[in-house]
Each structure stands twice: as structure tokens, then as C-alpha cells.
Amino acid sequence: MSTRRFPDSVIDGFIKYNEYMRISFHKMLAYRVSYLIGVITYIIHVSVYYFLYKALYHQSHTINGYDLQQMVTYVAIGWISKSFYLNYIDRELTEEVKSGHVAMDLIKPIDFQLMCFARGLGQSLFRIVLFTPPIIIVTTCMFPISGPASPVHMFFFILSTFLSVLIYSGINYTIGLLSIFFLSISGILYSKNMIIELLSGLLIPLDWFPLWFQKFSAFLPFQAIAFLPLKIYLGRLDGSGLVYAISLQFLWVIITMLIGRLVWKICQRQILIQGG
């Protein structure tokens, strides 16, 4: 009997959370205008950074070990990757707390954190199917973007980007839970987005910063979201460096999930105290 229960529970759990992922995917389909604006916005971002770096490289062939084509590739692939790992778990949690719907989730036979992650993966799935392809097509036609350093680097880049999704989801989940303690976290959400864009290396490669800043950012999870995957794509990590980068991302996935579980336990007490 015990040998049957475990596979059945795994299958049931997969079906349960897959349904949340499917609903989230279809929910994204409802916002077609927002989808179109998002595609245009991403292309504008890449265009702005292309002309910015083109002007910066006017009098120099390389800056901090990057030539112009590598930087254009870095920026373009970085924003393409962001179109995949971006999700709105934090905003959805904030809305659920405001509406009181989060109290209903407490009585459901689900793992609340896994449910939120499933919703985030549904958003990522929508983006990789319908959002990312047009961005890839337009940016590769408009700008001189290089391919991955090798098929091996491409494989690890895909794996690394998937881990970025989990890390980003873990951070968003924890930040979203803060809405249980505060009346409004709009300022926190804005600050979080700015911090991630800077410290993840999405805007500027982290190895362009002073050494003290690089050491500081090495102790934070943000570099594992964009900087490490992009270094893998460009072939700037090989052998042990590649293994270390992937291992570090796995570690941050575990850490962010554990922190999220701890914060959720604290939040459950807060909800009960408030009578929510």
C-alpha cells in the first residue's frame, strides 16, 4: 500500500499545482494590450542601451574586457531572459491580502508557497511561448547579437535561466508576504525592482564596478538572476567556474525558498492574531 501512495500523491500534487499554472497562463492571455505594450517596451529598452553603448565605445574597442558586440549581446540576451523570469507574485500577494482572499488559501489543502510558485511559472510559460519569441526575432534582426559560446554553454545558460526564475520567484514571494505586516508595500516593490536591476547585473555587468562592490554583491542572490546566466552565455565561465555558478544558483534557490517558508509561518500567526 505504501508503495502506491507515494506515486499517487506526487501525481495528484503535480495535477493540482499544474492547474494553478494553467490558470495563471490563461489569465495573462486576457491582457493582450499589456502584452503588446510589454513587447514594445522591451525593444525600446534594448535600443536605448544599444545606442548608449555604441556611443560609449566610440573611442575604445574594449571596456573591462567586453567589446561592443559582446555588450550588445549582453544587454539584448539579458532583457530577453528577463522576459522569461519576470513574474508578479509579489503584486498578486499584495492584492490577495488587501481583498482578504489570502485567508481562503489557508483552508485549502495546498502548499501556499508552491501554489504561488506555480502561478509564477504559469506567467513565465506564457512569456516564453508568446512574449519572448517576438522580442528575439526583432532584436536579432535589429542588432548585432552573437550566438552562445558553444552548445554546452547554451545548455547551461537555459538551465541557469530556469534557476533564475526560481530565485526571482523566491524573492518576489517573500517580498509579497510583507504586505501582511504593512498597509502598503508599493514603495518596497519599486525599490526591490530597482535593486534587482542594478545588483543582478542586468543594466551594467557587475565586473565593471569597483572590487568592493563586486565582493558585496557576491554575498547577495541578485547576481544569480542575470549576471551569472549572461556570463555563461558569453562563454566567460568554463569548467570549474561554470560548475560553481550553477551550484551557487541552486544554493540560492534553496535559501530563498527556506526564507519564504519561514516568513510565511510568521505571517500565519499574524493573520490569526488579526482574525483574518
C-alpha atoms as a PDB file:
ATOM      1  CA  MET A   1       0.000   0.000   0.000  1.00  0.00           C
ATOM      2  CA  SER A   2       2.734   2.490   0.914  1.00  0.00           C
ATOM      3  CA  THR A   3       4.485   1.982  -2.422  1.00  0.00           C
ATOM      4  CA  ARG A   4       1.303   3.102  -4.218  1.00  0.00           C
ATOM      5  CA  ARG A   5       0.514   6.110  -2.097  1.00  0.00           C
ATOM      6  CA  PHE A   6       3.739   7.964  -2.755  1.00  0.00           C
ATOM      7  CA  PRO A   7       3.498   7.977  -6.593  1.00  0.00           C
ATOM      8  CA  ASP A   8      -0.222   8.778  -6.377  1.00  0.00           C
ATOM      9  CA  SER A   9       0.440  11.725  -4.081  1.00  0.00           C
ATOM     10  CA  VAL A  10       3.155  13.010  -6.411  1.00  0.00           C
ATOM     11  CA  ILE A  11       0.852  12.756  -9.433  1.00  0.00           C
ATOM     12  CA  ASP A  12      -2.032  14.386  -7.544  1.00  0.00           C
ATOM     13  CA  GLY A  13       0.247  17.192  -6.391  1.00  0.00           C
ATOM     14  CA  PHE A  14       1.522  17.750  -9.937  1.00  0.00           C
ATOM     15  CA  ILE A  15      -2.017  17.921 -11.320  1.00  0.00           C
ATOM     16  CA  LYS A  16      -3.074  20.287  -8.521  1.00  0.00           C
ATOM     17  CA  TYR A  17      -0.268  22.812  -8.985  1.00  0.00           C
ATOM     18  CA  ASN A  18      -0.289  22.399 -12.769  1.00  0.00           C
ATOM     19  CA  GLU A  19      -3.862  23.695 -12.655  1.00  0.00           C
ATOM     20  CA  TYR A  20      -2.692  26.869 -10.893  1.00  0.00           C
ATOM     21  CA  MET A  21      -0.018  27.238 -13.548  1.00  0.00           C
ATOM     22  CA  ARG A  22      -2.600  26.777 -16.340  1.00  0.00           C
ATOM     23  CA  ILE A  23      -4.967  29.343 -14.800  1.00  0.00           C
ATOM     24  CA  SER A  24      -2.123  31.853 -14.467  1.00  0.00           C
ATOM     25  CA  PHE A  25      -1.175  31.272 -18.120  1.00  0.00           C
ATOM     26  CA  HIS A  26      -4.723  31.942 -19.315  1.00  0.00           C
ATOM     27  CA  LYS A  27      -5.026  34.950 -17.023  1.00  0.00           C
ATOM     28  CA  MET A  28      -2.049  36.501 -18.794  1.00  0.00           C
ATOM     29  CA  LEU A  29      -3.802  35.927 -22.141  1.00  0.00           C
ATOM     30  CA  ALA A  30      -6.588  38.268 -21.027  1.00  0.00           C
ATOM     31  CA  TYR A  31      -4.247  41.268 -21.017  1.00  0.00           C
ATOM     32  CA  ARG A  32      -3.488  41.469 -24.753  1.00  0.00           C
ATOM     33  CA  VAL A  33      -2.877  45.224 -24.843  1.00  0.00           C
ATOM     34  CA  SER A  34      -0.479  44.976 -21.903  1.00  0.00           C
ATOM     35  CA  TYR A  35       1.270  42.118 -23.736  1.00  0.00           C
ATOM     36  CA  LEU A  36       1.775  44.244 -26.867  1.00  0.00           C
ATOM     37  CA  ILE A  37       3.000  47.236 -24.851  1.00  0.00           C
ATOM     38  CA  GLY A  38       5.399  44.943 -22.989  1.00  0.00           C
ATOM     39  CA  VAL A  39       6.966  43.704 -26.218  1.00  0.00           C
ATOM     40  CA  ILE A  40       7.428  47.270 -27.490  1.00  0.00           C
ATOM     41  CA  THR A  41       8.853  48.381 -24.124  1.00  0.00           C
ATOM     42  CA  TYR A  42      11.475  45.624 -24.127  1.00  0.00           C
ATOM     43  CA  ILE A  43      12.558  46.507 -27.667  1.00  0.00           C
ATOM     44  CA  ILE A  44      12.838  50.180 -26.692  1.00  0.00           C
ATOM     45  CA  HIS A  45      14.984  49.254 -23.668  1.00  0.00           C
ATOM     46  CA  VAL A  46      17.390  47.237 -25.813  1.00  0.00           C
ATOM     47  CA  SER A  47      17.503  50.027 -28.421  1.00  0.00           C
ATOM     48  CA  VAL A  48      18.324  52.689 -25.840  1.00  0.00           C
ATOM     49  CA  TYR A  49      21.158  50.630 -24.356  1.00  0.00           C
ATOM     50  CA  TYR A  50      22.461  49.763 -27.829  1.00  0.00           C
ATOM     51  CA  PHE A  51      22.903  53.417 -28.805  1.00  0.00           C
ATOM     52  CA  LEU A  52      24.225  54.247 -25.331  1.00  0.00           C
ATOM     53  CA  TYR A  53      26.955  51.607 -25.505  1.00  0.00           C
ATOM     54  CA  LYS A  54      27.662  52.406 -29.144  1.00  0.00           C
ATOM     55  CA  ALA A  55      28.458  55.979 -28.111  1.00  0.00           C
ATOM     56  CA  LEU A  56      30.475  54.729 -25.138  1.00  0.00           C
ATOM     57  CA  TYR A  57      32.620  52.518 -27.371  1.00  0.00           C
ATOM     58  CA  HIS A  58      33.208  55.261 -29.939  1.00  0.00           C
ATOM     59  CA  GLN A  59      36.802  55.829 -28.801  1.00  0.00           C
ATOM     60  CA  SER A  60      37.593  52.357 -27.451  1.00  0.00           C
ATOM     61  CA  HIS A  61      37.368  48.826 -28.852  1.00  0.00           C
ATOM     62  CA  THR A  62      37.071  47.147 -25.443  1.00  0.00           C
ATOM     63  CA  ILE A  63      35.973  48.239 -21.976  1.00  0.00           C
ATOM     64  CA  ASN A  64      36.727  45.997 -18.999  1.00  0.00           C
ATOM     65  CA  GLY A  65      37.196  43.018 -21.300  1.00  0.00           C
ATOM     66  CA  TYR A  66      33.954  43.492 -23.282  1.00  0.00           C
ATOM     67  CA  ASP A  67      33.842  44.663 -26.900  1.00  0.00           C
ATOM     68  CA  LEU A  68      30.806  46.388 -28.390  1.00  0.00           C
ATOM     69  CA  GLN A  69      29.236  43.254 -29.853  1.00  0.00           C
ATOM     70  CA  GLN A  70      29.595  41.412 -26.542  1.00  0.00           C
ATOM     71  CA  MET A  71      27.931  44.290 -24.708  1.00  0.00           C
ATOM     72  CA  VAL A  72      25.078  44.474 -27.222  1.00  0.00           C
ATOM     73  CA  THR A  73      24.651  40.716 -26.844  1.00  0.00           C
ATOM     74  CA  TYR A  74      24.836  41.038 -23.063  1.00  0.00           C
ATOM     75  CA  VAL A  75      22.076  43.661 -22.984  1.00  0.00           C
ATOM     76  CA  ALA A  76      19.830  42.004 -25.569  1.00  0.00           C
ATOM     77  CA  ILE A  77      20.053  38.487 -24.107  1.00  0.00           C
ATOM     78  CA  GLY A  78      19.672  39.983 -20.629  1.00  0.00           C
ATOM     79  CA  TRP A  79      16.343  41.611 -21.499  1.00  0.00           C
ATOM     80  CA  ILE A  80      15.203  38.542 -23.429  1.00  0.00           C
ATOM     81  CA  SER A  81      15.935  36.465 -20.324  1.00  0.00           C
ATOM     82  CA  LYS A  82      14.077  38.954 -18.158  1.00  0.00           C
ATOM     83  CA  SER A  83      11.017  38.479 -20.337  1.00  0.00           C
ATOM     84  CA  PHE A  84      11.106  34.855 -19.168  1.00  0.00           C
ATOM     85  CA  TYR A  85      11.957  35.065 -15.463  1.00  0.00           C
ATOM     86  CA  LEU A  86       9.816  38.131 -14.684  1.00  0.00           C
ATOM     87  CA  ASN A  87       6.657  37.437 -12.686  1.00  0.00           C
ATOM     88  CA  TYR A  88       4.222  39.331 -10.468  1.00  0.00           C
ATOM     89  CA  ILE A  89       3.926  37.051  -7.449  1.00  0.00           C
ATOM     90  CA  ASP A  90       4.574  39.982  -5.097  1.00  0.00           C
ATOM     91  CA  ARG A  91       1.836  42.152  -6.620  1.00  0.00           C
ATOM     92  CA  GLU A  92      -0.676  39.296  -6.647  1.00  0.00           C
ATOM     93  CA  LEU A  93       0.033  38.545  -2.984  1.00  0.00           C
ATOM     94  CA  THR A  94      -0.465  42.204  -2.135  1.00  0.00           C
ATOM     95  CA  GLU A  95      -3.850  42.231  -3.878  1.00  0.00           C
ATOM     96  CA  GLU A  96      -4.905  38.992  -2.151  1.00  0.00           C
ATOM     97  CA  VAL A  97      -4.042  40.436   1.261  1.00  0.00           C
ATOM     98  CA  LYS A  98      -5.972  43.649   0.528  1.00  0.00           C
ATOM     99  CA  SER A  99      -9.029  41.714  -0.641  1.00  0.00           C
ATOM    100  CA  GLY A 100      -8.806  39.176   2.195  1.00  0.00           C
ATOM    101  CA  HIS A 101      -8.642  36.304  -0.297  1.00  0.00           C
ATOM    102  CA  VAL A 102      -5.403  35.087   1.293  1.00  0.00           C
ATOM    103  CA  ALA A 103      -7.462  33.832   4.262  1.00  0.00           C
ATOM    104  CA  MET A 104      -9.228  31.385   1.919  1.00  0.00           C
ATOM    105  CA  ASP A 105      -5.884  29.950   0.870  1.00  0.00           C
ATOM    106  CA  LEU A 106      -5.236  28.942   4.467  1.00  0.00           C
ATOM    107  CA  ILE A 107      -8.071  26.403   4.405  1.00  0.00           C
ATOM    108  CA  LYS A 108      -7.151  24.874   1.049  1.00  0.00           C
ATOM    109  CA  PRO A 109      -5.263  21.530   1.028  1.00  0.00           C
ATOM    110  CA  ILE A 110      -2.284  23.077  -0.725  1.00  0.00           C
ATOM    111  CA  ASP A 111       1.211  24.281  -0.009  1.00  0.00           C
ATOM    112  CA  PHE A 112       0.802  28.072  -0.231  1.00  0.00           C
ATOM    113  CA  GLN A 113       4.364  28.685  -1.383  1.00  0.00           C
ATOM    114  CA  LEU A 114       4.202  26.037  -4.124  1.00  0.00           C
ATOM    115  CA  MET A 115       0.888  27.495  -5.270  1.00  0.00           C
ATOM    116  CA  CYS A 116       2.482  30.933  -5.662  1.00  0.00           C
ATOM    117  CA  PHE A 117       5.461  29.428  -7.467  1.00  0.00           C
ATOM    118  CA  ALA A 118       3.087  27.569  -9.817  1.00  0.00           C
ATOM    119  CA  ARG A 119       1.386  30.865 -10.634  1.00  0.00           C
ATOM    120  CA  GLY A 120       4.754  32.446 -11.321  1.00  0.00           C
ATOM    121  CA  LEU A 121       5.768  29.554 -13.587  1.00  0.00           C
ATOM    122  CA  GLY A 122       2.480  29.963 -15.446  1.00  0.00           C
ATOM    123  CA  GLN A 123       3.407  33.591 -16.140  1.00  0.00           C
ATOM    124  CA  SER A 124       6.892  32.528 -17.249  1.00  0.00           C
ATOM    125  CA  LEU A 125       5.414  29.876 -19.534  1.00  0.00           C
ATOM    126  CA  PHE A 126       3.168  32.487 -21.131  1.00  0.00           C
ATOM    127  CA  ARG A 127       6.133  34.754 -21.705  1.00  0.00           C
ATOM    128  CA  ILE A 128       8.377  32.098 -23.216  1.00  0.00           C
ATOM    129  CA  VAL A 129       5.602  30.963 -25.580  1.00  0.00           C
ATOM    130  CA  LEU A 130       4.114  34.299 -26.674  1.00  0.00           C
ATOM    131  CA  PHE A 131       6.223  37.142 -25.271  1.00  0.00           C
ATOM    132  CA  THR A 132       9.855  36.108 -25.723  1.00  0.00           C
ATOM    133  CA  PRO A 133       9.791  34.909 -29.397  1.00  0.00           C
ATOM    134  CA  PRO A 134       8.830  38.278 -30.952  1.00  0.00           C
ATOM    135  CA  ILE A 135      11.459  40.012 -28.828  1.00  0.00           C
ATOM    136  CA  ILE A 136      14.102  37.518 -30.023  1.00  0.00           C
ATOM    137  CA  ILE A 137      13.091  37.967 -33.673  1.00  0.00           C
ATOM    138  CA  VAL A 138      13.081  41.768 -33.590  1.00  0.00           C
ATOM    139  CA  THR A 139      16.256  42.231 -31.549  1.00  0.00           C
ATOM    140  CA  THR A 140      18.283  39.721 -33.583  1.00  0.00           C
ATOM    141  CA  CYS A 141      17.205  41.470 -36.791  1.00  0.00           C
ATOM    142  CA  MET A 142      17.943  44.973 -35.481  1.00  0.00           C
ATOM    143  CA  PHE A 143      21.178  44.474 -33.535  1.00  0.00           C
ATOM    144  CA  PRO A 144      24.471  42.554 -33.964  1.00  0.00           C
ATOM    145  CA  ILE A 145      23.834  39.817 -31.408  1.00  0.00           C
ATOM    146  CA  SER A 146      26.235  36.895 -31.064  1.00  0.00           C
ATOM    147  CA  GLY A 147      25.144  33.315 -30.503  1.00  0.00           C
ATOM    148  CA  PRO A 148      26.130  31.356 -27.387  1.00  0.00           C
ATOM    149  CA  ALA A 149      29.803  30.498 -26.934  1.00  0.00           C
ATOM    150  CA  SER A 150      29.089  26.777 -27.554  1.00  0.00           C
ATOM    151  CA  PRO A 151      26.239  24.254 -27.427  1.00  0.00           C
ATOM    152  CA  VAL A 152      27.399  23.324 -23.914  1.00  0.00           C
ATOM    153  CA  HIS A 153      27.207  26.936 -22.813  1.00  0.00           C
ATOM    154  CA  MET A 154      23.738  27.193 -24.357  1.00  0.00           C
ATOM    155  CA  PHE A 155      22.555  24.175 -22.377  1.00  0.00           C
ATOM    156  CA  PHE A 156      23.877  25.573 -19.109  1.00  0.00           C
ATOM    157  CA  PHE A 157      22.510  29.011 -19.965  1.00  0.00           C
ATOM    158  CA  ILE A 158      18.999  27.534 -20.299  1.00  0.00           C
ATOM    159  CA  LEU A 159      19.435  25.660 -17.005  1.00  0.00           C
ATOM    160  CA  SER A 160      20.820  28.794 -15.353  1.00  0.00           C
ATOM    161  CA  THR A 161      17.917  30.908 -16.615  1.00  0.00           C
ATOM    162  CA  PHE A 162      15.402  28.407 -15.222  1.00  0.00           C
ATOM    163  CA  LEU A 163      17.139  28.657 -11.853  1.00  0.00           C
ATOM    164  CA  SER A 164      16.870  32.435 -12.199  1.00  0.00           C
ATOM    165  CA  VAL A 165      13.095  32.011 -12.441  1.00  0.00           C
ATOM    166  CA  LEU A 166      13.043  30.126  -9.139  1.00  0.00           C
ATOM    167  CA  ILE A 167      15.325  32.635  -7.385  1.00  0.00           C
ATOM    168  CA  TYR A 168      13.319  35.593  -8.674  1.00  0.00           C
ATOM    169  CA  SER A 169      10.095  33.862  -7.617  1.00  0.00           C
ATOM    170  CA  GLY A 170      11.531  33.188  -4.153  1.00  0.00           C
ATOM    171  CA  ILE A 171      12.432  36.854  -3.692  1.00  0.00           C
ATOM    172  CA  ASN A 172       9.062  38.079  -5.001  1.00  0.00           C
ATOM    173  CA  TYR A 173       7.203  35.626  -2.776  1.00  0.00           C
ATOM    174  CA  THR A 174       8.979  36.820   0.363  1.00  0.00           C
ATOM    175  CA  ILE A 175       8.557  40.498  -0.534  1.00  0.00           C
ATOM    176  CA  GLY A 176       4.876  39.941  -1.317  1.00  0.00           C
ATOM    177  CA  LEU A 177       4.301  38.441   2.130  1.00  0.00           C
ATOM    178  CA  LEU A 178       5.395  41.723   3.703  1.00  0.00           C
ATOM    179  CA  SER A 179       2.012  43.150   2.685  1.00  0.00           C
ATOM    180  CA  ILE A 180       0.549  41.205   5.620  1.00  0.00           C
ATOM    181  CA  PHE A 181       2.529  43.425   8.013  1.00  0.00           C
ATOM    182  CA  PHE A 182       2.250  46.768   6.199  1.00  0.00           C
ATOM    183  CA  LEU A 183      -0.709  48.708   4.818  1.00  0.00           C
ATOM    184  CA  SER A 184       1.126  49.391   1.564  1.00  0.00           C
ATOM    185  CA  ILE A 185       4.339  47.994   0.113  1.00  0.00           C
ATOM    186  CA  SER A 186       4.282  49.879  -3.207  1.00  0.00           C
ATOM    187  CA  GLY A 187       7.468  51.706  -2.193  1.00  0.00           C
ATOM    188  CA  ILE A 188       9.117  48.408  -1.256  1.00  0.00           C
ATOM    189  CA  LEU A 189       8.123  46.870  -4.605  1.00  0.00           C
ATOM    190  CA  TYR A 190       9.560  49.805  -6.539  1.00  0.00           C
ATOM    191  CA  SER A 191      12.795  49.718  -4.552  1.00  0.00           C
ATOM    192  CA  LYS A 192      13.031  45.943  -4.982  1.00  0.00           C
ATOM    193  CA  ASN A 193      12.762  46.247  -8.758  1.00  0.00           C
ATOM    194  CA  MET A 194      15.454  48.924  -8.907  1.00  0.00           C
ATOM    195  CA  ILE A 195      17.792  46.960  -6.622  1.00  0.00           C
ATOM    196  CA  ILE A 196      17.392  43.773  -8.662  1.00  0.00           C
ATOM    197  CA  GLU A 197      18.055  45.541 -11.961  1.00  0.00           C
ATOM    198  CA  LEU A 198      21.236  47.098 -10.556  1.00  0.00           C
ATOM    199  CA  LEU A 199      22.639  44.292  -8.393  1.00  0.00           C
ATOM    200  CA  SER A 200      21.659  41.498 -10.785  1.00  0.00           C
ATOM    201  CA  GLY A 201      23.948  42.977 -13.423  1.00  0.00           C
ATOM    202  CA  LEU A 202      21.100  43.461 -15.901  1.00  0.00           C
ATOM    203  CA  LEU A 203      21.859  47.142 -16.501  1.00  0.00           C
ATOM    204  CA  ILE A 204      25.654  47.027 -16.198  1.00  0.00           C
ATOM    205  CA  PRO A 205      27.936  43.955 -15.855  1.00  0.00           C
ATOM    206  CA  LEU A 206      28.964  43.602 -12.241  1.00  0.00           C
ATOM    207  CA  ASP A 207      32.635  43.265 -13.188  1.00  0.00           C
ATOM    208  CA  TRP A 208      32.503  46.889 -14.376  1.00  0.00           C
ATOM    209  CA  PHE A 209      32.007  48.005 -10.781  1.00  0.00           C
ATOM    210  CA  PRO A 210      34.757  48.572  -8.181  1.00  0.00           C
ATOM    211  CA  LEU A 211      36.144  45.461  -6.487  1.00  0.00           C
ATOM    212  CA  TRP A 212      34.476  46.263  -3.143  1.00  0.00           C
ATOM    213  CA  PHE A 213      31.083  46.421  -4.884  1.00  0.00           C
ATOM    214  CA  GLN A 214      31.698  43.088  -6.619  1.00  0.00           C
ATOM    215  CA  LYS A 215      32.574  41.461  -3.288  1.00  0.00           C
ATOM    216  CA  PHE A 216      29.469  42.946  -1.685  1.00  0.00           C
ATOM    217  CA  SER A 217      27.155  41.738  -4.477  1.00  0.00           C
ATOM    218  CA  ALA A 218      28.715  38.253  -4.306  1.00  0.00           C
ATOM    219  CA  PHE A 219      27.001  37.724  -0.935  1.00  0.00           C
ATOM    220  CA  LEU A 220      23.566  38.556  -2.373  1.00  0.00           C
ATOM    221  CA  PRO A 221      21.271  36.410  -4.543  1.00  0.00           C
ATOM    222  CA  PHE A 222      20.739  39.053  -7.215  1.00  0.00           C
ATOM    223  CA  GLN A 223      23.798  38.263  -9.348  1.00  0.00           C
ATOM    224  CA  ALA A 224      22.409  34.740  -9.777  1.00  0.00           C
ATOM    225  CA  ILE A 225      19.382  36.196 -11.594  1.00  0.00           C
ATOM    226  CA  ALA A 226      21.065  37.854 -14.592  1.00  0.00           C
ATOM    227  CA  PHE A 227      24.838  38.242 -14.319  1.00  0.00           C
ATOM    228  CA  LEU A 228      25.768  34.558 -13.954  1.00  0.00           C
ATOM    229  CA  PRO A 229      23.500  33.312 -16.781  1.00  0.00           C
ATOM    230  CA  LEU A 230      24.817  36.027 -19.102  1.00  0.00           C
ATOM    231  CA  LYS A 231      28.437  35.189 -18.288  1.00  0.00           C
ATOM    232  CA  ILE A 232      27.652  31.575 -19.142  1.00  0.00           C
ATOM    233  CA  TYR A 233      26.043  32.582 -22.458  1.00  0.00           C
ATOM    234  CA  LEU A 234      29.065  34.695 -23.447  1.00  0.00           C
ATOM    235  CA  GLY A 235      31.458  31.869 -22.553  1.00  0.00           C
ATOM    236  CA  ARG A 236      33.136  33.833 -19.775  1.00  0.00           C
ATOM    237  CA  LEU A 237      32.722  30.854 -17.447  1.00  0.00           C
ATOM    238  CA  ASP A 238      34.200  27.419 -18.148  1.00  0.00           C
ATOM    239  CA  GLY A 239      34.971  24.241 -16.250  1.00  0.00           C
ATOM    240  CA  SER A 240      35.014  24.764 -12.501  1.00  0.00           C
ATOM    241  CA  GLY A 241      33.725  28.327 -12.884  1.00  0.00           C
ATOM    242  CA  LEU A 242      30.678  27.033 -14.715  1.00  0.00           C
ATOM    243  CA  VAL A 243      30.013  24.352 -12.097  1.00  0.00           C
ATOM    244  CA  TYR A 244      30.441  26.890  -9.313  1.00  0.00           C
ATOM    245  CA  ALA A 245      27.955  29.308 -10.917  1.00  0.00           C
ATOM    246  CA  ILE A 246      25.251  26.643 -11.322  1.00  0.00           C
ATOM    247  CA  SER A 247      25.895  25.325  -7.797  1.00  0.00           C
ATOM    248  CA  LEU A 248      25.622  28.845  -6.393  1.00  0.00           C
ATOM    249  CA  GLN A 249      22.281  29.295  -8.130  1.00  0.00           C
ATOM    250  CA  PHE A 250      20.998  26.007  -6.717  1.00  0.00           C
ATOM    251  CA  LEU A 251      22.078  27.188  -3.266  1.00  0.00           C
ATOM    252  CA  TRP A 252      20.195  30.474  -3.649  1.00  0.00           C
ATOM    253  CA  VAL A 253      17.084  28.609  -4.824  1.00  0.00           C
ATOM    254  CA  ILE A 254      17.134  26.616  -1.574  1.00  0.00           C
ATOM    255  CA  ILE A 255      17.920  29.657   0.594  1.00  0.00           C
ATOM    256  CA  THR A 256      15.189  31.864  -0.897  1.00  0.00           C
ATOM    257  CA  MET A 257      12.627  29.060  -0.578  1.00  0.00           C
ATOM    258  CA  LEU A 258      13.555  28.411   3.059  1.00  0.00           C
ATOM    259  CA  ILE A 259      13.376  32.129   3.876  1.00  0.00           C
ATOM    260  CA  GLY A 260       9.979  32.274   2.183  1.00  0.00           C
ATOM    261  CA  ARG A 261       8.701  29.341   4.272  1.00  0.00           C
ATOM    262  CA  LEU A 262       9.956  30.960   7.472  1.00  0.00           C
ATOM    263  CA  VAL A 263       8.314  34.286   6.658  1.00  0.00           C
ATOM    264  CA  TRP A 264       5.046  32.519   5.745  1.00  0.00           C
ATOM    265  CA  LYS A 265       4.975  30.753   9.130  1.00  0.00           C
ATOM    266  CA  ILE A 266       5.374  34.117  10.843  1.00  0.00           C
ATOM    267  CA  CYS A 267       2.684  35.576   8.608  1.00  0.00           C
ATOM    268  CA  GLN A 268       0.219  32.827   9.510  1.00  0.00           C
ATOM    269  CA  ARG A 269       0.497  33.820  13.169  1.00  0.00           C
ATOM    270  CA  GLN A 270      -0.044  37.452  12.202  1.00  0.00           C
ATOM    271  CA  ILE A 271      -3.190  36.559  10.205  1.00  0.00           C
ATOM    272  CA  LEU A 272      -4.591  34.585  13.113  1.00  0.00           C
ATOM    273  CA  ILE A 273      -3.871  37.381  15.584  1.00  0.00           C
ATOM    274  CA  GLN A 274      -5.666  39.857  13.342  1.00  0.00           C
ATOM    275  CA  GLY A 275      -8.585  37.465  12.994  1.00  0.00           C
ATOM    276  CA  GLY A 276      -8.103  37.351   9.192  1.00  0.00           C
END
